[in-house]
Amino acid sequence: MPTFSGKPTESVDEFIFRAKLFMDGKCIDYTAATNMQRVIAILAANLRNGAASYTMPK
């Protein structure tokens, strides 16, 4: 699973593309409503540094 830290040199589109490829490879249907919590947890767990600060409770 790719990580994303929000640096100017990183592309959020590339992160999402690679995340979708990862989930396809793991047979996770990221479009299914029943998987939304799982998909959000996977994505949030792979945010780093500044990008992770949006998901961290204060």
Protein backbone atom coordinates (compact mmCIF):
# COMPACT_ATOMS: atom_id res chain seq x y z
CA MET A 1 0.00 0.00 0.00
CA PRO A 2 1.43 3.40 -0.91
CA THR A 3 1.81 6.20 1.61
CA PHE A 4 1.05 9.90 1.20
CA SER A 5 2.52 12.71 3.29
CA GLY A 6 1.23 15.76 1.42
CA LYS A 7 4.64 17.01 0.26
CA PRO A 8 4.61 19.27 -2.82
CA THR A 9 6.57 16.62 -4.74
CA GLU A 10 3.83 14.03 -4.19
CA SER A 11 0.68 13.60 -6.24
CA VAL A 12 -2.60 12.83 -4.49
CA ASP A 13 -3.89 11.44 -7.80
CA GLU A 14 -0.96 9.01 -7.92
CA PHE A 15 -1.64 7.97 -4.30
CA ILE A 16 -5.31 7.29 -5.08
CA PHE A 17 -4.42 5.40 -8.27
CA ARG A 18 -1.94 3.18 -6.42
CA ALA A 19 -4.36 2.68 -3.52
CA LYS A 20 -7.03 1.48 -5.96
CA LEU A 21 -4.54 -0.92 -7.56
CA PHE A 22 -3.62 -2.24 -4.10
CA MET A 23 -7.27 -2.79 -3.16
CA ASP A 24 -8.01 -4.43 -6.52
CA GLY A 25 -5.11 -6.81 -5.86
CA LYS A 26 -6.53 -7.64 -2.43
CA CYS A 27 -10.06 -8.09 -3.90
CA ILE A 28 -11.43 -5.18 -1.86
CA ASP A 29 -14.36 -3.52 -3.63
CA TYR A 30 -13.67 0.12 -2.73
CA THR A 31 -16.94 1.19 -4.40
CA ALA A 32 -19.17 -0.97 -2.18
CA ALA A 33 -20.95 0.86 0.63
CA THR A 34 -20.36 -2.14 2.90
CA ASN A 35 -16.59 -1.64 2.58
CA MET A 36 -16.49 2.15 3.17
CA GLN A 37 -15.23 1.96 6.77
CA ARG A 38 -12.55 -0.53 5.78
CA VAL A 39 -11.41 1.57 2.82
CA ILE A 40 -11.29 4.76 4.90
CA ALA A 41 -9.29 2.96 7.60
CA ILE A 42 -6.81 1.63 5.02
CA LEU A 43 -6.35 5.06 3.43
CA ALA A 44 -6.08 6.90 6.77
CA ALA A 45 -3.52 4.39 8.07
CA ASN A 46 -1.26 5.22 5.12
CA LEU A 47 -1.28 9.00 5.49
CA ARG A 48 1.93 10.42 6.94
CA ASN A 49 3.18 13.72 8.39
CA GLY A 50 1.04 16.71 7.36
CA ALA A 51 -1.48 14.59 5.48
CA ALA A 52 -2.14 12.53 8.62
CA SER A 53 -2.86 15.60 10.75
CA TYR A 54 -6.30 15.91 9.14
CA THR A 55 -7.35 12.51 10.50
CA MET A 56 -5.73 12.69 13.95
CA PRO A 57 -7.98 13.77 16.84
CA LYS A 58 -6.85 16.84 18.77
